[in-house]
């Protein structure tokens, strides 16, 4: 008669339970696993079951924190938004340094993130190419907020003459965000970190520096 699978010592294996965590810690753990799964499976293809498997929890646990796939997608995208906007742009708004130096540091730090936080960058690249639906609407909001923050930074540079006098802040903000895409594409296509840094240095020297 078929029965529960026995272990070598003829006892039923004990089911492995997920480590106990506070609700906040569990939600954060699941979200971090979701970023990884979205990077490997794609924004549209990742499932609750995929994330549960990586997190070592039951699927209903993932559904408890993120009831729908839209909830999961929005949470991951907001986390990627936070990582990029706060971690690379906002953090440099109050730094005591010429603006062209801050822009170069921003892009250089992002280039390093392609190695250290590859999954965030991978999700961002796919997200930026999603040109329809609620995912695209979220990207347009990110684009507007990010270019506005970079523009504000550049206007500081205009005021203290630490960027080119002829630079149009709004146009330059869009160009700088586009440069982040260029850097990511370079690195994903095999360019070395040294090559990416050289490109950043040339871009800032020719386009941003006074």
C-alpha atoms as a PDB file:
ATOM      1  CA  UNK A   1       0.000   0.000   0.000  1.00  0.00           C
ATOM      2  CA  UNK A   2       1.301   3.404  -0.938  1.00  0.00           C
ATOM      3  CA  UNK A   3       1.970   5.678   1.990  1.00  0.00           C
ATOM      4  CA  UNK A   4       4.049   8.596   3.107  1.00  0.00           C
ATOM      5  CA  UNK A   5       7.590   8.457   1.804  1.00  0.00           C
ATOM      6  CA  UNK A   6       9.924   7.088   4.485  1.00  0.00           C
ATOM      7  CA  UNK A   7      13.437   8.198   5.256  1.00  0.00           C
ATOM      8  CA  UNK A   8      16.386   5.805   5.555  1.00  0.00           C
ATOM      9  CA  UNK A   9      15.607   5.082   9.206  1.00  0.00           C
ATOM     10  CA  UNK A  10      11.982   4.246   8.316  1.00  0.00           C
ATOM     11  CA  UNK A  11      10.525   7.411   9.836  1.00  0.00           C
ATOM     12  CA  UNK A  12       8.415  10.008   8.076  1.00  0.00           C
ATOM     13  CA  UNK A  13      10.587  13.069   7.223  1.00  0.00           C
ATOM     14  CA  UNK A  14       9.730  16.184   9.166  1.00  0.00           C
ATOM     15  CA  UNK A  15       8.408  18.993   7.015  1.00  0.00           C
ATOM     16  CA  UNK A  16      10.818  21.923   6.971  1.00  0.00           C
ATOM     17  CA  UNK A  17       9.146  25.050   8.262  1.00  0.00           C
ATOM     18  CA  UNK A  18      10.071  28.583   7.318  1.00  0.00           C
ATOM     19  CA  UNK A  19      12.039  30.482   9.923  1.00  0.00           C
ATOM     20  CA  UNK A  20       9.822  32.611  12.149  1.00  0.00           C
ATOM     21  CA  UNK A  21       9.920  36.313  11.319  1.00  0.00           C
ATOM     22  CA  UNK A  22       7.956  39.405  12.221  1.00  0.00           C
ATOM     23  CA  UNK A  23       5.364  40.373   9.600  1.00  0.00           C
ATOM     24  CA  UNK A  24       7.549  43.310   8.526  1.00  0.00           C
ATOM     25  CA  UNK A  25      10.636  41.137   8.165  1.00  0.00           C
ATOM     26  CA  UNK A  26       8.716  38.443   6.294  1.00  0.00           C
ATOM     27  CA  UNK A  27       7.235  40.952   3.869  1.00  0.00           C
ATOM     28  CA  UNK A  28      10.702  42.403   3.255  1.00  0.00           C
ATOM     29  CA  UNK A  29      12.187  38.937   2.703  1.00  0.00           C
ATOM     30  CA  UNK A  30       9.480  38.056   0.201  1.00  0.00           C
ATOM     31  CA  UNK A  31       9.919  41.394  -1.570  1.00  0.00           C
ATOM     32  CA  UNK A  32      13.682  40.865  -1.920  1.00  0.00           C
ATOM     33  CA  UNK A  33      13.049  37.388  -3.323  1.00  0.00           C
ATOM     34  CA  UNK A  34      10.489  38.904  -5.684  1.00  0.00           C
ATOM     35  CA  UNK A  35      13.111  41.321  -7.063  1.00  0.00           C
ATOM     36  CA  UNK A  36      15.369  38.342  -7.776  1.00  0.00           C
ATOM     37  CA  UNK A  37      12.573  36.322  -9.396  1.00  0.00           C
ATOM     38  CA  UNK A  38      11.391  39.255 -11.494  1.00  0.00           C
ATOM     39  CA  UNK A  39      14.958  39.702 -12.741  1.00  0.00           C
ATOM     40  CA  UNK A  40      15.284  36.051 -13.732  1.00  0.00           C
ATOM     41  CA  UNK A  41      11.733  35.305 -14.946  1.00  0.00           C
ATOM     42  CA  UNK A  42      10.551  38.704 -16.156  1.00  0.00           C
ATOM     43  CA  UNK A  43       7.996  41.156 -14.814  1.00  0.00           C
ATOM     44  CA  UNK A  44       5.079  39.572 -16.663  1.00  0.00           C
ATOM     45  CA  UNK A  45       6.053  35.929 -16.068  1.00  0.00           C
ATOM     46  CA  UNK A  46       7.013  35.799 -12.379  1.00  0.00           C
ATOM     47  CA  UNK A  47       4.463  34.053 -10.158  1.00  0.00           C
ATOM     48  CA  UNK A  48       3.657  33.785  -6.474  1.00  0.00           C
ATOM     49  CA  UNK A  49       4.790  30.154  -6.573  1.00  0.00           C
ATOM     50  CA  UNK A  50       8.209  31.127  -7.996  1.00  0.00           C
ATOM     51  CA  UNK A  51       8.726  33.629  -5.204  1.00  0.00           C
ATOM     52  CA  UNK A  52       7.485  31.247  -2.514  1.00  0.00           C
ATOM     53  CA  UNK A  53       9.981  28.619  -3.660  1.00  0.00           C
ATOM     54  CA  UNK A  54      12.905  31.043  -3.467  1.00  0.00           C
ATOM     55  CA  UNK A  55      11.766  32.435  -0.108  1.00  0.00           C
ATOM     56  CA  UNK A  56      11.249  28.974   1.375  1.00  0.00           C
ATOM     57  CA  UNK A  57       7.637  29.653   2.300  1.00  0.00           C
ATOM     58  CA  UNK A  58       4.268  28.328   1.186  1.00  0.00           C
ATOM     59  CA  UNK A  59       2.529  30.075  -1.711  1.00  0.00           C
ATOM     60  CA  UNK A  60      -0.352  31.239   0.531  1.00  0.00           C
ATOM     61  CA  UNK A  61       2.202  33.190   2.573  1.00  0.00           C
ATOM     62  CA  UNK A  62       3.181  35.207  -0.501  1.00  0.00           C
ATOM     63  CA  UNK A  63      -0.511  35.733  -1.331  1.00  0.00           C
ATOM     64  CA  UNK A  64      -1.071  36.964   2.233  1.00  0.00           C
ATOM     65  CA  UNK A  65       1.345  39.863   1.732  1.00  0.00           C
ATOM     66  CA  UNK A  66       0.713  40.421  -1.987  1.00  0.00           C
ATOM     67  CA  UNK A  67      -2.823  39.208  -2.826  1.00  0.00           C
ATOM     68  CA  UNK A  68      -2.579  39.700  -6.610  1.00  0.00           C
ATOM     69  CA  UNK A  69       0.104  39.671  -9.281  1.00  0.00           C
ATOM     70  CA  UNK A  70      -0.557  43.391  -9.762  1.00  0.00           C
ATOM     71  CA  UNK A  71       0.251  43.925  -6.071  1.00  0.00           C
ATOM     72  CA  UNK A  72       3.509  42.005  -6.509  1.00  0.00           C
ATOM     73  CA  UNK A  73       4.493  43.905  -9.643  1.00  0.00           C
ATOM     74  CA  UNK A  74       3.736  47.268  -8.071  1.00  0.00           C
ATOM     75  CA  UNK A  75       5.690  46.421  -4.898  1.00  0.00           C
ATOM     76  CA  UNK A  76       8.756  45.293  -6.847  1.00  0.00           C
ATOM     77  CA  UNK A  77       8.635  48.312  -9.133  1.00  0.00           C
ATOM     78  CA  UNK A  78       8.308  50.687  -6.179  1.00  0.00           C
ATOM     79  CA  UNK A  79      11.322  49.032  -4.570  1.00  0.00           C
ATOM     80  CA  UNK A  80      13.349  49.443  -7.768  1.00  0.00           C
ATOM     81  CA  UNK A  81      12.147  53.063  -7.967  1.00  0.00           C
ATOM     82  CA  UNK A  82      13.333  53.680  -4.399  1.00  0.00           C
ATOM     83  CA  UNK A  83      16.694  52.054  -5.099  1.00  0.00           C
ATOM     84  CA  UNK A  84      17.341  54.223  -8.158  1.00  0.00           C
ATOM     85  CA  UNK A  85      15.787  57.576  -7.299  1.00  0.00           C
ATOM     86  CA  UNK A  86      16.764  57.748  -3.638  1.00  0.00           C
ATOM     87  CA  UNK A  87      19.981  55.782  -3.881  1.00  0.00           C
ATOM     88  CA  UNK A  88      21.569  57.583  -6.816  1.00  0.00           C
ATOM     89  CA  UNK A  89      19.863  60.961  -7.304  1.00  0.00           C
ATOM     90  CA  UNK A  90      18.265  62.240  -4.097  1.00  0.00           C
ATOM     91  CA  UNK A  91      21.237  61.209  -1.975  1.00  0.00           C
ATOM     92  CA  UNK A  92      23.445  63.617  -3.959  1.00  0.00           C
ATOM     93  CA  UNK A  93      21.262  66.702  -3.708  1.00  0.00           C
ATOM     94  CA  UNK A  94      22.809  67.924  -0.431  1.00  0.00           C
ATOM     95  CA  UNK A  95      26.426  66.922  -1.075  1.00  0.00           C
ATOM     96  CA  UNK A  96      29.010  69.692  -0.765  1.00  0.00           C
ATOM     97  CA  UNK A  97      30.684  69.285  -4.163  1.00  0.00           C
ATOM     98  CA  UNK A  98      30.446  70.864  -7.634  1.00  0.00           C
ATOM     99  CA  UNK A  99      27.428  69.584  -9.525  1.00  0.00           C
ATOM    100  CA  UNK A 100      29.451  68.114 -12.390  1.00  0.00           C
ATOM    101  CA  UNK A 101      31.363  66.054  -9.792  1.00  0.00           C
ATOM    102  CA  UNK A 102      28.097  64.858  -8.264  1.00  0.00           C
ATOM    103  CA  UNK A 103      26.731  63.856 -11.672  1.00  0.00           C
ATOM    104  CA  UNK A 104      29.895  61.905 -12.445  1.00  0.00           C
ATOM    105  CA  UNK A 105      29.728  60.204  -9.054  1.00  0.00           C
ATOM    106  CA  UNK A 106      26.057  59.364  -9.629  1.00  0.00           C
ATOM    107  CA  UNK A 107      26.765  57.661 -12.946  1.00  0.00           C
ATOM    108  CA  UNK A 108      29.910  55.942 -11.671  1.00  0.00           C
ATOM    109  CA  UNK A 109      28.010  54.528  -8.697  1.00  0.00           C
ATOM    110  CA  UNK A 110      25.275  53.300 -11.010  1.00  0.00           C
ATOM    111  CA  UNK A 111      27.863  51.567 -13.201  1.00  0.00           C
ATOM    112  CA  UNK A 112      29.118  49.695 -10.127  1.00  0.00           C
ATOM    113  CA  UNK A 113      25.541  48.727  -9.238  1.00  0.00           C
ATOM    114  CA  UNK A 114      25.314  46.769 -12.492  1.00  0.00           C
ATOM    115  CA  UNK A 115      27.658  44.321 -10.739  1.00  0.00           C
ATOM    116  CA  UNK A 116      26.648  44.683  -7.089  1.00  0.00           C
ATOM    117  CA  UNK A 117      22.863  44.989  -7.580  1.00  0.00           C
ATOM    118  CA  UNK A 118      22.385  43.441 -11.009  1.00  0.00           C
ATOM    119  CA  UNK A 119      18.841  42.252 -10.367  1.00  0.00           C
ATOM    120  CA  UNK A 120      17.602  45.771  -9.601  1.00  0.00           C
ATOM    121  CA  UNK A 121      19.134  47.054 -12.829  1.00  0.00           C
ATOM    122  CA  UNK A 122      17.734  44.102 -14.797  1.00  0.00           C
ATOM    123  CA  UNK A 123      14.189  44.791 -13.572  1.00  0.00           C
ATOM    124  CA  UNK A 124      14.622  48.494 -14.316  1.00  0.00           C
ATOM    125  CA  UNK A 125      15.683  47.837 -17.915  1.00  0.00           C
ATOM    126  CA  UNK A 126      12.650  45.621 -18.544  1.00  0.00           C
ATOM    127  CA  UNK A 127      10.365  48.047 -16.720  1.00  0.00           C
ATOM    128  CA  UNK A 128      11.553  50.979 -18.837  1.00  0.00           C
ATOM    129  CA  UNK A 129      10.659  49.033 -21.985  1.00  0.00           C
ATOM    130  CA  UNK A 130       7.107  48.209 -20.896  1.00  0.00           C
ATOM    131  CA  UNK A 131       5.169  50.729 -22.957  1.00  0.00           C
ATOM    132  CA  UNK A 132       1.603  49.850 -22.002  1.00  0.00           C
ATOM    133  CA  UNK A 133      -0.631  49.242 -19.028  1.00  0.00           C
ATOM    134  CA  UNK A 134      -0.143  50.099 -15.371  1.00  0.00           C
ATOM    135  CA  UNK A 135       3.538  49.122 -15.450  1.00  0.00           C
ATOM    136  CA  UNK A 136       4.207  51.777 -18.068  1.00  0.00           C
ATOM    137  CA  UNK A 137       2.206  54.346 -16.121  1.00  0.00           C
ATOM    138  CA  UNK A 138       4.414  53.659 -13.106  1.00  0.00           C
ATOM    139  CA  UNK A 139       7.504  54.064 -15.248  1.00  0.00           C
ATOM    140  CA  UNK A 140       6.325  57.423 -16.584  1.00  0.00           C
ATOM    141  CA  UNK A 141       5.881  58.593 -12.991  1.00  0.00           C
ATOM    142  CA  UNK A 142       9.412  57.411 -12.154  1.00  0.00           C
ATOM    143  CA  UNK A 143      10.787  59.125 -15.264  1.00  0.00           C
ATOM    144  CA  UNK A 144       9.102  62.411 -14.390  1.00  0.00           C
ATOM    145  CA  UNK A 145      10.237  62.327 -10.755  1.00  0.00           C
ATOM    146  CA  UNK A 146      13.810  61.349 -11.628  1.00  0.00           C
ATOM    147  CA  UNK A 147      14.338  63.915 -14.363  1.00  0.00           C
ATOM    148  CA  UNK A 148      12.810  66.584 -12.098  1.00  0.00           C
ATOM    149  CA  UNK A 149      15.278  65.710  -9.316  1.00  0.00           C
ATOM    150  CA  UNK A 150      18.235  65.762 -11.729  1.00  0.00           C
ATOM    151  CA  UNK A 151      17.024  69.060 -13.192  1.00  0.00           C
ATOM    152  CA  UNK A 152      16.922  70.571  -9.702  1.00  0.00           C
ATOM    153  CA  UNK A 153      20.494  69.424  -9.154  1.00  0.00           C
ATOM    154  CA  UNK A 154      21.587  70.959 -12.445  1.00  0.00           C
ATOM    155  CA  UNK A 155      19.940  74.265 -11.607  1.00  0.00           C
ATOM    156  CA  UNK A 156      22.168  74.401  -8.536  1.00  0.00           C
ATOM    157  CA  UNK A 157      25.098  73.964 -10.867  1.00  0.00           C
ATOM    158  CA  UNK A 158      23.824  76.788 -13.036  1.00  0.00           C
ATOM    159  CA  UNK A 159      23.664  79.033  -9.980  1.00  0.00           C
ATOM    160  CA  UNK A 160      27.212  78.297  -8.790  1.00  0.00           C
ATOM    161  CA  UNK A 161      28.765  77.881 -12.252  1.00  0.00           C
ATOM    162  CA  UNK A 162      29.697  74.227 -11.696  1.00  0.00           C
ATOM    163  CA  UNK A 163      28.134  73.104 -14.992  1.00  0.00           C
ATOM    164  CA  UNK A 164      28.343  74.479 -18.534  1.00  0.00           C
ATOM    165  CA  UNK A 165      26.601  77.848 -18.775  1.00  0.00           C
ATOM    166  CA  UNK A 166      24.896  76.795 -22.017  1.00  0.00           C
ATOM    167  CA  UNK A 167      23.449  73.588 -20.583  1.00  0.00           C
ATOM    168  CA  UNK A 168      19.663  73.413 -20.581  1.00  0.00           C
ATOM    169  CA  UNK A 169      18.729  71.757 -17.300  1.00  0.00           C
ATOM    170  CA  UNK A 170      15.591  69.916 -18.474  1.00  0.00           C
ATOM    171  CA  UNK A 171      17.251  68.550 -21.609  1.00  0.00           C
ATOM    172  CA  UNK A 172      20.375  67.582 -19.691  1.00  0.00           C
ATOM    173  CA  UNK A 173      18.326  65.774 -17.017  1.00  0.00           C
ATOM    174  CA  UNK A 174      16.749  63.574 -19.674  1.00  0.00           C
ATOM    175  CA  UNK A 175      20.150  62.975 -21.257  1.00  0.00           C
ATOM    176  CA  UNK A 176      21.719  61.962 -17.937  1.00  0.00           C
ATOM    177  CA  UNK A 177      18.949  59.435 -17.286  1.00  0.00           C
ATOM    178  CA  UNK A 178      19.477  58.148 -20.811  1.00  0.00           C
ATOM    179  CA  UNK A 179      23.182  57.816 -20.029  1.00  0.00           C
ATOM    180  CA  UNK A 180      22.291  55.415 -17.223  1.00  0.00           C
ATOM    181  CA  UNK A 181      20.603  53.216 -19.828  1.00  0.00           C
ATOM    182  CA  UNK A 182      23.714  53.441 -22.003  1.00  0.00           C
ATOM    183  CA  UNK A 183      25.930  52.364 -19.110  1.00  0.00           C
ATOM    184  CA  UNK A 184      23.686  49.399 -18.263  1.00  0.00           C
ATOM    185  CA  UNK A 185      23.557  48.290 -21.897  1.00  0.00           C
ATOM    186  CA  UNK A 186      27.339  48.573 -22.205  1.00  0.00           C
ATOM    187  CA  UNK A 187      27.929  46.413 -19.143  1.00  0.00           C
ATOM    188  CA  UNK A 188      25.308  43.814 -20.037  1.00  0.00           C
ATOM    189  CA  UNK A 189      26.799  43.591 -23.539  1.00  0.00           C
ATOM    190  CA  UNK A 190      30.248  42.833 -22.188  1.00  0.00           C
ATOM    191  CA  UNK A 191      31.982  46.203 -21.776  1.00  0.00           C
ATOM    192  CA  UNK A 192      34.383  46.253 -18.846  1.00  0.00           C
ATOM    193  CA  UNK A 193      33.869  48.498 -15.832  1.00  0.00           C
ATOM    194  CA  UNK A 194      36.968  50.404 -16.946  1.00  0.00           C
ATOM    195  CA  UNK A 195      35.424  51.079 -20.358  1.00  0.00           C
ATOM    196  CA  UNK A 196      32.159  52.190 -18.762  1.00  0.00           C
ATOM    197  CA  UNK A 197      34.024  54.561 -16.448  1.00  0.00           C
ATOM    198  CA  UNK A 198      35.971  56.035 -19.352  1.00  0.00           C
ATOM    199  CA  UNK A 199      32.686  56.683 -21.165  1.00  0.00           C
ATOM    200  CA  UNK A 200      31.257  58.385 -18.066  1.00  0.00           C
ATOM    201  CA  UNK A 201      34.339  60.575 -17.681  1.00  0.00           C
ATOM    202  CA  UNK A 202      34.163  61.645 -21.328  1.00  0.00           C
ATOM    203  CA  UNK A 203      30.427  62.337 -21.134  1.00  0.00           C
ATOM    204  CA  UNK A 204      30.767  64.555 -18.061  1.00  0.00           C
ATOM    205  CA  UNK A 205      33.854  66.350 -19.367  1.00  0.00           C
ATOM    206  CA  UNK A 206      32.338  67.117 -22.754  1.00  0.00           C
ATOM    207  CA  UNK A 207      28.706  67.728 -21.817  1.00  0.00           C
ATOM    208  CA  UNK A 208      28.410  68.743 -18.154  1.00  0.00           C
ATOM    209  CA  UNK A 209      31.638  70.265 -16.808  1.00  0.00           C
ATOM    210  CA  UNK A 210      32.119  74.046 -17.161  1.00  0.00           C
END
